[in-house]
N, C-alpha and C. Protein backbone atom coordinates (compact mmCIF):
# COMPACT_ATOMS: atom_id res chain seq x y z
N MET A 1 101.97 67.69 -9.91
CA MET A 1 102.72 67.56 -9.98
C MET A 1 103.68 66.77 -8.85
N LYS A 2 104.07 67.89 -8.17
CA LYS A 2 104.54 67.75 -6.67
C LYS A 2 104.08 66.72 -5.94
N HIS A 3 102.82 66.51 -5.84
CA HIS A 3 102.37 65.12 -5.07
C HIS A 3 102.32 63.97 -5.88
N LEU A 4 102.74 63.91 -7.10
CA LEU A 4 102.77 62.55 -7.90
C LEU A 4 104.52 62.51 -7.56
N VAL A 5 105.77 63.19 -7.37
CA VAL A 5 106.82 63.26 -7.30
C VAL A 5 107.08 62.62 -5.71
N LEU A 6 106.09 62.96 -4.73
CA LEU A 6 106.34 62.89 -3.54
C LEU A 6 105.98 61.22 -3.66
N ARG A 7 104.87 61.08 -4.08
CA ARG A 7 104.26 59.21 -4.28
C ARG A 7 105.33 58.66 -4.58
N PHE A 8 105.97 59.19 -5.77
CA PHE A 8 106.77 57.94 -6.13
C PHE A 8 108.13 58.03 -5.38
N LEU A 9 108.79 59.18 -4.91
CA LEU A 9 109.87 59.04 -4.06
C LEU A 9 109.26 58.03 -2.46
N ALA A 10 108.03 57.93 -2.42
CA ALA A 10 107.41 56.98 -1.13
C ALA A 10 107.49 55.99 -1.51
N VAL A 11 107.21 55.43 -2.75
CA VAL A 11 107.14 54.09 -3.42
C VAL A 11 108.37 53.55 -3.71
N LEU A 12 109.10 54.06 -4.02
CA LEU A 12 111.10 54.39 -4.36
C LEU A 12 111.37 53.58 -2.91
N PHE A 13 111.18 54.92 -1.56
CA PHE A 13 111.91 54.34 -0.41
C PHE A 13 111.33 53.24 0.40
N VAL A 14 109.72 52.92 0.11
CA VAL A 14 109.42 51.57 0.59
C VAL A 14 110.19 50.07 -0.14
N LEU A 15 110.40 50.40 -1.55
CA LEU A 15 111.26 49.43 -2.31
C LEU A 15 112.32 49.02 -1.70
N SER A 16 113.35 50.47 -0.93
CA SER A 16 114.73 50.35 -1.07
C SER A 16 114.47 49.40 0.10
N LEU A 17 113.47 49.76 1.06
CA LEU A 17 113.51 49.14 2.68
C LEU A 17 113.88 47.32 2.47
N THR A 18 112.77 47.09 1.32
CA THR A 18 112.80 45.52 1.13
C THR A 18 114.38 45.14 1.09
N GLY A 19 115.24 45.50 0.36
CA GLY A 19 116.67 44.97 0.50
C GLY A 19 117.47 45.45 1.59
N CYS A 20 116.50 45.64 2.98
CA CYS A 20 117.82 46.47 3.92
C CYS A 20 118.31 45.12 4.75
N GLY A 21 117.24 44.16 4.78
CA GLY A 21 117.78 42.99 5.54
C GLY A 21 117.19 42.77 6.73
N TYR A 22 116.47 43.82 7.43
CA TYR A 22 115.71 44.04 8.83
C TYR A 22 115.13 42.71 8.97
N ASN A 23 114.08 42.26 7.87
CA ASN A 23 113.25 41.06 7.95
C ASN A 23 113.96 39.49 7.99
N THR A 24 115.09 39.79 7.11
CA THR A 24 116.18 38.42 7.10
C THR A 24 116.99 38.47 8.70
N PHE A 25 117.21 39.57 9.41
CA PHE A 25 117.78 39.81 10.48
C PHE A 25 116.43 39.02 11.55
N GLN A 26 115.34 39.51 11.60
CA GLN A 26 114.55 38.95 12.70
C GLN A 26 114.17 37.54 12.21
N SER A 27 114.18 36.99 11.33
CA SER A 27 113.71 35.53 10.31
C SER A 27 114.89 34.72 11.51
N LEU A 28 116.06 35.20 11.07
CA LEU A 28 117.24 34.18 11.51
C LEU A 28 117.69 34.43 13.12
N ASP A 29 117.11 35.69 13.83
CA ASP A 29 117.38 35.85 15.19
C ASP A 29 116.54 34.50 15.88
N GLU A 30 115.59 34.43 15.22
CA GLU A 30 114.41 33.68 15.81
C GLU A 30 114.53 32.28 15.46
N GLU A 31 115.13 32.15 14.32
CA GLU A 31 115.68 30.79 13.91
C GLU A 31 117.03 30.16 15.01
N SER A 32 117.63 31.46 15.13
CA SER A 32 118.78 31.01 15.98
C SER A 32 118.16 30.58 17.40
N LYS A 33 116.97 31.66 17.72
CA LYS A 33 116.59 30.99 19.50
C LYS A 33 116.22 29.92 19.56
N ALA A 34 115.44 29.59 18.34
CA ALA A 34 114.95 28.37 18.63
C ALA A 34 115.52 27.03 18.34
N SER A 35 116.43 27.45 17.62
CA SER A 35 117.58 26.44 17.68
C SER A 35 118.41 25.85 18.86
N TRP A 36 118.72 27.17 19.58
CA TRP A 36 119.57 26.98 20.76
C TRP A 36 118.61 26.39 22.23
N SER A 37 117.35 26.67 21.82
CA SER A 37 116.24 26.17 22.94
C SER A 37 116.27 24.79 22.55
N GLU A 38 116.47 24.35 21.52
CA GLU A 38 116.75 22.88 20.91
C GLU A 38 117.43 21.96 21.75
N VAL A 39 118.43 23.42 21.58
CA VAL A 39 120.01 22.07 22.45
C VAL A 39 119.76 22.17 23.95
N LEU A 40 118.97 23.63 24.54
CA LEU A 40 119.01 23.55 26.12
C LEU A 40 117.94 22.30 26.49
N ASN A 41 117.07 22.24 25.37
CA ASN A 41 115.98 20.76 25.47
C ASN A 41 116.67 19.34 25.83
N GLN A 42 117.67 19.11 24.96
CA GLN A 42 118.06 17.85 24.79
C GLN A 42 119.24 18.20 26.35
N TYR A 43 119.71 19.32 26.63
CA TYR A 43 120.96 19.36 27.49
C TYR A 43 120.14 18.80 28.68
N GLN A 44 119.09 19.46 29.27
CA GLN A 44 117.70 19.44 29.98
C GLN A 44 117.58 17.70 30.13
N ARG A 45 117.27 17.18 28.93
CA ARG A 45 116.90 15.42 29.20
C ARG A 45 118.22 14.77 29.55
N ARG A 46 119.20 14.97 29.48
CA ARG A 46 120.83 14.68 29.81
C ARG A 46 120.63 14.94 31.30
N ALA A 47 120.67 15.87 31.86
CA ALA A 47 120.50 16.41 32.82
C ALA A 47 119.70 15.64 33.85
N ASP A 48 118.05 15.30 33.31
CA ASP A 48 117.36 14.78 33.82
C ASP A 48 117.54 13.16 33.93
N LEU A 49 118.04 12.43 33.16
CA LEU A 49 118.82 11.35 33.49
C LEU A 49 119.93 10.98 34.30
N VAL A 50 120.90 12.06 34.50
CA VAL A 50 121.91 11.87 35.26
C VAL A 50 121.61 11.12 36.71
N PRO A 51 120.74 11.96 37.41
CA PRO A 51 120.39 11.12 39.03
C PRO A 51 120.07 9.58 38.60
N ASN A 52 119.24 9.27 37.88
CA ASN A 52 118.85 8.06 37.84
C ASN A 52 119.72 7.17 37.34
N LEU A 53 120.98 7.58 36.70
CA LEU A 53 121.95 6.57 35.89
C LEU A 53 123.02 6.24 37.26
N VAL A 54 123.26 7.34 38.14
CA VAL A 54 123.80 7.78 39.24
C VAL A 54 123.87 6.34 40.05
N ASN A 55 122.12 6.81 40.37
CA ASN A 55 121.57 6.06 41.32
C ASN A 55 121.82 4.36 41.15
N VAL A 56 121.65 3.87 40.23
CA VAL A 56 121.79 2.65 39.64
C VAL A 56 122.86 2.01 39.69
N VAL A 57 123.82 2.61 39.17
CA VAL A 57 125.45 2.52 39.47
C VAL A 57 125.81 2.73 41.13
N LYS A 58 124.90 3.61 41.78
CA LYS A 58 125.52 3.77 43.13
C LYS A 58 125.86 2.46 44.17
N GLY A 59 124.48 1.43 43.72
CA GLY A 59 123.80 0.65 44.42
C GLY A 59 124.45 -0.62 43.82
N TYR A 60 125.57 -0.59 42.95
CA TYR A 60 126.73 -1.96 42.37
C TYR A 60 128.22 -1.13 42.71
N ALA A 61 128.31 0.26 42.58
CA ALA A 61 129.39 0.60 42.66
C ALA A 61 129.65 1.59 43.91
N SER A 62 129.60 0.99 45.19
CA SER A 62 129.74 2.19 46.47
C SER A 62 131.02 2.78 46.54
N HIS A 63 131.86 1.70 45.90
CA HIS A 63 133.23 2.43 46.52
C HIS A 63 134.06 3.02 45.52
N GLU A 64 133.26 3.39 44.00
CA GLU A 64 133.68 4.50 43.11
C GLU A 64 132.96 5.55 43.44
N LYS A 65 133.43 6.10 44.65
CA LYS A 65 132.82 7.66 45.06
C LYS A 65 133.12 8.47 44.48
N GLU A 66 134.51 8.93 43.98
CA GLU A 66 135.35 10.25 43.77
C GLU A 66 134.44 10.03 41.91
N VAL A 67 133.91 8.98 41.28
CA VAL A 67 133.35 9.30 40.22
C VAL A 67 131.75 9.92 40.11
N LEU A 68 131.45 8.99 40.95
CA LEU A 68 129.90 9.71 41.24
C LEU A 68 129.94 11.04 41.73
N THR A 69 130.63 11.15 43.02
CA THR A 69 130.90 12.71 43.13
C THR A 69 131.39 13.75 41.99
N GLN A 70 132.28 13.78 40.76
CA GLN A 70 132.44 14.03 39.59
C GLN A 70 131.21 14.61 39.34
N VAL A 71 130.50 13.46 38.73
CA VAL A 71 129.02 13.58 38.37
C VAL A 71 128.07 14.49 38.64
N ALA A 72 128.22 13.95 39.98
CA ALA A 72 127.02 14.84 40.68
C ALA A 72 127.63 16.29 40.87
N ASP A 73 128.65 16.75 40.95
CA ASP A 73 129.27 18.09 40.54
C ASP A 73 129.36 18.90 39.46
N ALA A 74 129.62 18.11 38.14
CA ALA A 74 129.49 18.81 36.79
C ALA A 74 128.14 18.84 36.99
N ARG A 75 126.94 18.29 37.10
CA ARG A 75 125.62 18.51 37.24
C ARG A 75 125.20 19.89 37.78
N SER A 76 125.40 19.79 39.03
CA SER A 76 125.13 21.07 39.66
C SER A 76 125.94 22.28 38.89
N LYS A 77 126.87 21.91 38.36
CA LYS A 77 127.62 23.37 37.76
C LYS A 77 126.97 23.74 36.72
N VAL A 78 126.35 22.61 35.67
CA VAL A 78 125.32 23.05 34.53
C VAL A 78 124.22 23.81 35.07
N GLY A 79 123.59 23.14 36.08
CA GLY A 79 122.66 23.50 36.39
C GLY A 79 122.74 24.99 37.04
N SER A 80 123.73 25.46 37.58
CA SER A 80 123.92 26.92 38.47
C SER A 80 124.12 27.89 36.97
N ILE A 81 124.23 27.51 35.96
CA ILE A 81 124.55 28.46 35.09
C ILE A 81 122.95 29.15 34.80
N GLN A 82 122.82 30.35 34.51
CA GLN A 82 121.82 31.10 34.24
C GLN A 82 121.66 31.32 32.60
N VAL A 83 120.73 30.26 32.34
CA VAL A 83 120.31 30.13 30.54
C VAL A 83 119.40 31.31 30.26
N THR A 84 119.98 32.40 29.47
CA THR A 84 119.40 33.37 29.14
C THR A 84 119.00 33.61 27.67
N PRO A 85 118.36 34.21 26.90
CA PRO A 85 118.37 34.60 25.42
C PRO A 85 120.20 35.87 25.52
N GLU A 86 120.38 36.11 26.74
CA GLU A 86 121.14 37.24 26.78
C GLU A 86 122.55 36.11 26.26
N LEU A 87 122.63 34.94 27.04
CA LEU A 87 124.00 33.89 27.06
C LEU A 87 124.59 34.10 25.71
N LEU A 88 123.14 34.00 24.45
CA LEU A 88 123.56 33.74 23.16
C LEU A 88 124.60 34.82 22.67
N ASN A 89 124.52 36.16 23.14
CA ASN A 89 125.07 36.98 22.70
C ASN A 89 126.82 37.56 23.24
N ASP A 90 126.73 36.73 24.41
CA ASP A 90 127.73 37.00 25.44
C ASP A 90 129.11 36.01 25.05
N PRO A 91 130.16 36.06 24.43
CA PRO A 91 130.87 34.91 24.19
C PRO A 91 131.67 34.39 24.99
N GLU A 92 131.57 35.34 26.07
CA GLU A 92 132.36 34.75 26.97
C GLU A 92 131.54 33.94 28.47
N ALA A 93 130.26 34.46 28.64
CA ALA A 93 129.28 33.42 29.32
C ALA A 93 128.90 31.89 28.34
N PHE A 94 128.51 32.67 27.31
CA PHE A 94 128.89 31.00 26.45
C PHE A 94 129.84 30.03 26.71
N ALA A 95 130.96 30.36 26.21
CA ALA A 95 132.10 29.93 27.03
C ALA A 95 131.84 28.98 27.92
N LYS A 96 131.47 29.53 28.94
CA LYS A 96 131.38 28.89 30.32
C LYS A 96 130.47 27.93 30.54
N PHE A 97 129.34 28.18 29.70
CA PHE A 97 128.26 27.51 29.42
C PHE A 97 128.48 25.96 28.70
N GLN A 98 129.73 25.96 28.10
CA GLN A 98 129.79 25.14 26.96
C GLN A 98 130.95 24.27 27.91
N ALA A 99 131.50 25.08 28.71
CA ALA A 99 132.82 24.39 29.39
C ALA A 99 131.99 23.32 30.50
N ALA A 100 130.82 23.96 31.23
CA ALA A 100 129.99 22.92 32.00
C ALA A 100 129.28 21.79 31.23
N GLN A 101 129.33 22.12 30.30
CA GLN A 101 128.49 21.22 29.81
C GLN A 101 129.42 20.04 29.19
N GLY A 102 130.90 20.53 28.92
CA GLY A 102 132.12 19.50 28.37
C GLY A 102 132.22 18.97 29.81
N GLN A 103 131.89 19.48 31.18
CA GLN A 103 132.66 18.60 31.99
C GLN A 103 131.83 17.44 32.67
N LEU A 104 130.43 17.69 32.01
CA LEU A 104 129.15 16.91 32.47
C LEU A 104 129.58 15.98 31.52
N THR A 105 129.79 15.78 30.12
CA THR A 105 130.32 14.78 29.22
C THR A 105 131.38 14.24 29.91
N SER A 106 132.41 14.85 30.28
CA SER A 106 133.70 13.84 30.59
C SER A 106 133.03 13.07 31.54
N ALA A 107 132.63 13.91 32.91
CA ALA A 107 131.89 12.83 33.54
C ALA A 107 131.12 11.42 33.60
N LEU A 108 130.50 12.13 32.59
CA LEU A 108 129.35 10.85 32.50
C LEU A 108 130.49 9.57 31.90
N SER A 109 131.22 10.34 30.68
CA SER A 109 132.25 9.22 29.93
C SER A 109 132.77 8.11 31.18
N ARG A 110 133.50 8.71 32.32
CA ARG A 110 134.13 8.15 33.50
C ARG A 110 132.99 7.48 34.06
N LEU A 111 131.80 7.23 34.40
CA LEU A 111 130.75 7.19 34.77
C LEU A 111 130.72 5.69 33.98
N LEU A 112 130.56 5.76 32.60
CA LEU A 112 130.17 5.05 32.17
C LEU A 112 131.26 3.65 31.82
N ALA A 113 133.09 4.38 31.74
CA ALA A 113 133.91 3.65 31.96
C ALA A 113 133.99 2.27 33.25
N VAL A 114 133.40 3.19 34.52
CA VAL A 114 133.20 2.45 35.59
C VAL A 114 132.15 1.31 35.21
N SER A 115 131.30 1.29 34.90
CA SER A 115 130.02 0.13 34.69
C SER A 115 131.25 -1.15 34.31
N GLU A 116 131.93 -0.53 33.30
CA GLU A 116 132.64 -1.94 32.92
C GLU A 116 133.16 -2.97 33.81
N ASN A 117 133.42 -2.52 34.56
CA ASN A 117 134.39 -3.08 36.05
C ASN A 117 132.99 -3.63 36.64
N TYR A 118 131.62 -3.45 36.49
CA TYR A 118 130.73 -4.44 37.18
C TYR A 118 129.89 -5.16 36.26
N PRO A 119 130.11 -6.87 35.98
CA PRO A 119 129.38 -7.16 35.09
C PRO A 119 127.82 -7.20 35.64
N ASN A 120 127.41 -7.37 36.88
CA ASN A 120 126.12 -7.34 37.19
C ASN A 120 125.66 -6.29 36.91
N LEU A 121 125.91 -5.02 36.98
CA LEU A 121 125.82 -3.82 36.47
C LEU A 121 125.53 -3.77 35.23
N LYS A 122 126.18 -4.43 34.57
CA LYS A 122 126.09 -4.30 32.72
C LYS A 122 125.16 -5.06 32.55
N ALA A 123 124.70 -6.09 33.29
CA ALA A 123 123.64 -6.94 32.48
C ALA A 123 122.43 -6.83 33.88
N ASP A 124 122.24 -5.08 34.20
CA ASP A 124 121.09 -4.71 35.16
C ASP A 124 120.19 -4.23 34.00
N GLN A 125 118.54 -4.61 33.67
CA GLN A 125 117.67 -3.71 32.54
C GLN A 125 117.61 -2.34 32.99
N GLY A 126 117.73 -2.21 34.02
CA GLY A 126 117.61 -0.71 34.18
C GLY A 126 118.89 0.26 33.92
N PHE A 127 120.09 -0.21 34.06
CA PHE A 127 121.23 0.46 33.60
C PHE A 127 121.37 0.47 32.22
N ARG A 128 121.23 -0.78 31.44
CA ARG A 128 120.91 -0.67 30.09
C ARG A 128 120.15 -0.01 29.48
N ASP A 129 119.17 0.41 30.29
CA ASP A 129 117.97 1.18 29.42
C ASP A 129 118.47 2.71 29.90
N LEU A 130 118.93 2.97 30.57
CA LEU A 130 119.30 4.31 31.30
C LEU A 130 120.90 4.65 29.90
N GLN A 131 121.53 3.77 29.68
CA GLN A 131 122.57 3.82 29.27
C GLN A 131 121.86 3.95 27.61
N ALA A 132 121.38 3.65 26.92
CA ALA A 132 120.67 3.57 26.01
C ALA A 132 120.07 4.78 25.85
N GLN A 133 119.37 5.37 27.00
CA GLN A 133 118.58 6.84 26.84
C GLN A 133 119.54 7.68 26.64
N LEU A 134 120.68 7.70 27.48
CA LEU A 134 121.82 8.76 27.71
C LEU A 134 122.31 8.69 26.53
N GLU A 135 122.27 7.61 25.86
CA GLU A 135 123.69 7.34 24.65
C GLU A 135 122.69 7.97 23.40
N GLY A 136 121.44 7.97 23.11
CA GLY A 136 120.06 8.32 22.57
C GLY A 136 120.49 9.98 22.48
N THR A 137 120.11 10.75 24.12
CA THR A 137 120.77 12.05 24.05
C THR A 137 121.53 12.47 23.55
N GLU A 138 122.87 12.08 23.94
CA GLU A 138 124.18 12.41 23.26
C GLU A 138 123.97 12.46 21.85
N ASN A 139 123.48 12.02 21.57
CA ASN A 139 123.00 11.71 19.79
C ASN A 139 122.24 13.25 19.54
N ARG A 140 121.54 13.33 19.89
CA ARG A 140 120.08 14.23 19.85
C ARG A 140 120.74 15.75 20.28
N ILE A 141 121.52 15.61 21.40
CA ILE A 141 122.43 16.62 21.35
C ILE A 141 123.24 16.90 20.54
N THR A 142 124.29 16.47 20.13
CA THR A 142 124.94 16.57 18.28
C THR A 142 124.04 17.06 17.20
N VAL A 143 122.71 16.70 17.13
CA VAL A 143 121.77 16.86 15.93
C VAL A 143 121.49 18.42 16.51
N ALA A 144 121.10 18.72 17.19
CA ALA A 144 120.71 19.77 17.81
C ALA A 144 122.08 20.78 17.73
N ARG A 145 123.20 20.79 18.31
CA ARG A 145 123.98 21.38 18.29
C ARG A 145 124.56 21.90 16.65
N ASN A 146 124.53 20.76 15.58
CA ASN A 146 124.88 20.79 14.65
C ASN A 146 123.95 22.05 13.62
N ARG A 147 122.37 21.99 13.79
CA ARG A 147 121.42 22.80 13.49
C ARG A 147 121.63 23.96 14.07
N TYR A 148 122.22 24.11 15.34
CA TYR A 148 122.53 25.87 15.88
C TYR A 148 123.43 25.83 15.09
N ILE A 149 124.65 25.30 15.10
CA ILE A 149 125.84 25.90 14.30
C ILE A 149 125.50 26.25 13.11
N GLU A 150 124.72 25.30 11.92
CA GLU A 150 124.59 25.63 10.65
C GLU A 150 123.60 27.40 11.16
N THR A 151 122.52 27.75 12.17
CA THR A 151 121.71 28.33 12.05
C THR A 151 122.54 29.77 12.18
N ILE A 152 123.20 29.62 13.51
CA ILE A 152 124.06 30.89 13.47
C ILE A 152 125.26 31.07 12.26
N LYS A 153 125.74 30.55 11.60
CA LYS A 153 126.27 30.44 10.43
C LYS A 153 125.82 31.58 9.74
N ASN A 154 123.99 30.91 9.24
CA ASN A 154 123.49 31.74 8.38
C ASN A 154 123.06 33.25 8.82
N TYR A 155 123.08 33.26 10.17
CA TYR A 155 123.12 34.77 10.95
C TYR A 155 124.48 35.48 10.70
N ASN A 156 125.30 34.98 10.92
CA ASN A 156 126.69 35.64 10.96
C ASN A 156 127.04 35.93 9.78
N VAL A 157 126.46 35.54 8.63
CA VAL A 157 126.95 35.58 7.06
C VAL A 157 126.04 36.65 6.81
N ALA A 158 124.84 36.69 7.22
CA ALA A 158 123.86 37.89 7.15
C ALA A 158 124.53 39.16 7.74
N VAL A 159 124.61 39.32 8.79
CA VAL A 159 125.34 40.28 9.90
C VAL A 159 126.34 40.75 8.76
N ARG A 160 127.40 39.95 8.41
CA ARG A 160 128.54 40.37 7.68
C ARG A 160 128.26 40.80 6.08
N SER A 161 127.32 40.28 5.43
CA SER A 161 127.40 40.71 4.18
C SER A 161 126.61 41.82 3.70
N PHE A 162 127.38 42.72 2.66
CA PHE A 162 126.82 43.50 2.20
C PHE A 162 125.95 43.19 1.16
N PRO A 163 124.65 44.41 1.63
CA PRO A 163 124.22 45.81 1.88
C PRO A 163 123.98 45.51 3.58
N ASN A 164 123.33 44.28 3.75
CA ASN A 164 122.57 43.70 5.17
C ASN A 164 123.70 44.23 6.30
N ASN A 165 124.94 44.22 6.23
CA ASN A 165 126.34 44.95 7.31
C ASN A 165 125.99 46.14 7.41
N LEU A 166 125.12 47.16 6.57
CA LEU A 166 124.66 48.41 6.94
C LEU A 166 123.52 47.95 8.06
N THR A 167 122.53 47.78 7.92
CA THR A 167 121.75 47.56 8.28
C THR A 167 121.73 47.09 9.83
N ALA A 168 122.79 46.10 10.32
CA ALA A 168 123.13 45.48 11.27
C ALA A 168 123.61 46.16 12.23
N MET A 169 124.54 47.08 11.69
CA MET A 169 125.31 48.32 12.27
C MET A 169 124.65 49.58 12.71
N ALA A 170 123.45 49.82 12.03
CA ALA A 170 122.26 50.63 12.44
C ALA A 170 121.24 50.22 13.39
N LEU A 171 121.29 48.57 13.41
CA LEU A 171 120.55 48.25 14.55
C LEU A 171 120.91 47.66 15.59
N GLY A 172 122.15 47.56 15.43
CA GLY A 172 122.93 46.86 16.64
C GLY A 172 123.10 45.29 16.70
N TYR A 173 123.18 44.66 15.47
CA TYR A 173 123.15 43.40 15.09
C TYR A 173 124.23 42.85 15.07
N LYS A 174 125.10 42.15 15.54
CA LYS A 174 126.36 41.26 16.18
C LYS A 174 126.68 40.41 15.84
N ALA A 175 127.80 39.67 15.40
CA ALA A 175 127.81 38.21 15.08
C ALA A 175 127.44 37.39 16.57
N LYS A 176 127.16 36.17 16.32
CA LYS A 176 126.76 35.66 17.71
C LYS A 176 127.87 34.53 17.78
N PRO A 177 128.46 34.11 18.97
CA PRO A 177 128.97 33.45 19.03
C PRO A 177 128.91 31.64 18.76
N SER A 178 129.25 30.79 18.04
CA SER A 178 129.18 29.42 17.79
C SER A 178 129.83 28.38 18.62
N PHE A 179 129.18 27.09 18.45
CA PHE A 179 130.05 26.13 19.57
C PHE A 179 131.31 26.08 19.05
N THR A 180 132.17 25.99 20.05
CA THR A 180 133.55 25.18 19.88
C THR A 180 134.15 24.27 20.46
N VAL A 181 135.23 23.72 20.11
CA VAL A 181 135.76 22.26 21.23
C VAL A 181 136.55 23.44 22.29
N GLU A 182 136.65 22.66 23.55
CA GLU A 182 137.82 23.11 24.24
C GLU A 182 139.32 22.74 24.13
N ASN A 183 139.26 21.56 23.44
CA ASN A 183 141.10 20.79 23.02
C ASN A 183 140.98 21.17 21.41
N GLU A 184 140.56 22.21 20.74
CA GLU A 184 141.18 21.88 19.85
C GLU A 184 142.30 21.59 19.18
N LYS A 185 143.72 22.57 19.90
CA LYS A 185 144.54 21.69 19.57
C LYS A 185 145.33 20.27 19.87
N ALA A 186 144.57 19.80 20.65
CA ALA A 186 144.52 18.36 21.11
C ALA A 186 144.05 17.33 20.11
N ILE A 187 142.69 18.01 19.54
CA ILE A 187 142.22 16.91 18.53
C ILE A 187 142.44 16.87 17.10
N SER A 188 143.20 18.01 16.62
CA SER A 188 143.75 18.36 15.69
C SER A 188 144.51 17.58 15.28
N VAL A 189 145.65 16.94 16.04
CA VAL A 189 146.90 16.26 16.02
C VAL A 189 146.20 14.35 15.76
N ALA A 190 146.64 14.29 14.98
CA ALA A 190 146.46 12.59 14.44
C ALA A 190 147.09 11.62 15.39
N PRO A 191 146.17 11.12 15.63
CA PRO A 191 146.38 9.76 16.77
C PRO A 191 147.38 8.66 16.18
N THR A 192 148.32 8.25 17.08
CA THR A 192 149.58 7.43 16.82
C THR A 192 149.08 5.97 16.53
N VAL A 193 149.14 5.52 15.81
CA VAL A 193 148.97 3.87 15.95
C VAL A 193 150.25 2.73 15.15
N ASN A 194 150.34 2.10 16.64
CA ASN A 194 151.32 0.86 16.60
C ASN A 194 150.84 -0.33 16.75
N PHE A 195 151.00 -0.98 15.97
CA PHE A 195 150.40 -2.80 15.52
C PHE A 195 151.70 -3.04 16.38
N GLU A 196 152.72 -2.91 16.59
CA GLU A 196 153.82 -3.87 16.86
C GLU A 196 154.06 -4.26 18.15
N SER A 197 154.22 -5.27 18.47
CA SER A 197 154.21 -5.98 20.27
C SER A 197 155.16 -5.69 20.80
N LYS A 198 155.07 -5.64 21.91
CA LYS A 198 156.16 -5.72 22.90
C LYS A 198 157.05 -6.54 23.54
C-alpha cells in the first residue's frame, strides 16, 4: 500500500511540473534569441552596405565631408558595441545599442538627402542599386524588429503570468527589454499642416 501511495505521489508530482512553465520559458527564450539574431543579421547587412554607399557618394560629393564623416563615425560606434546574448537582458546596454543604431539611421538619412543635390549621382546605376538595397534592408530591419518585439512580448507575458511567474522567480527569469524609440515625446505630437500661402 505504501508503495502504491509513493507511486501515486510521484505521478502527481510529474503532472504538476507540466504546468510550471519551465518548458515555456525555454522555448520563448530560444525564440527571443533567434529573433534577436535576425535583427542583428539585418543590421550587419546595413553596416556592410554603408562603406560602398559612402564611396560612391564620395566620388560625386567630395565637399560633403561632414555628412560622410558622420556616417563613418556612426558606423564605427555601431561596430564598437559588443553584441552578446547578455545584451538582451541588460536594459542599459540595450538602450546604448539602440541609440547607436539610431545614429546610423539618422546619418544615412542625411547622406541620402545630400544625394538629392547631385543629379549625376542620382543617375549613377551603382548608387541607385545601393540605395535600393539600403531601402530594402531598412524594411527588413523593421520586420525583424517587429518579430523581436512580438517574441519579447510573449516572453514577458509568460514571465509575469501566474503560475508561470512563480517558476520565473524561482529560476531567475526576468522581463526582457523591448525596442523603444528615442524621441517618443516628439513623435507623439501631431504634425501641424498649413496650406496657407505666404
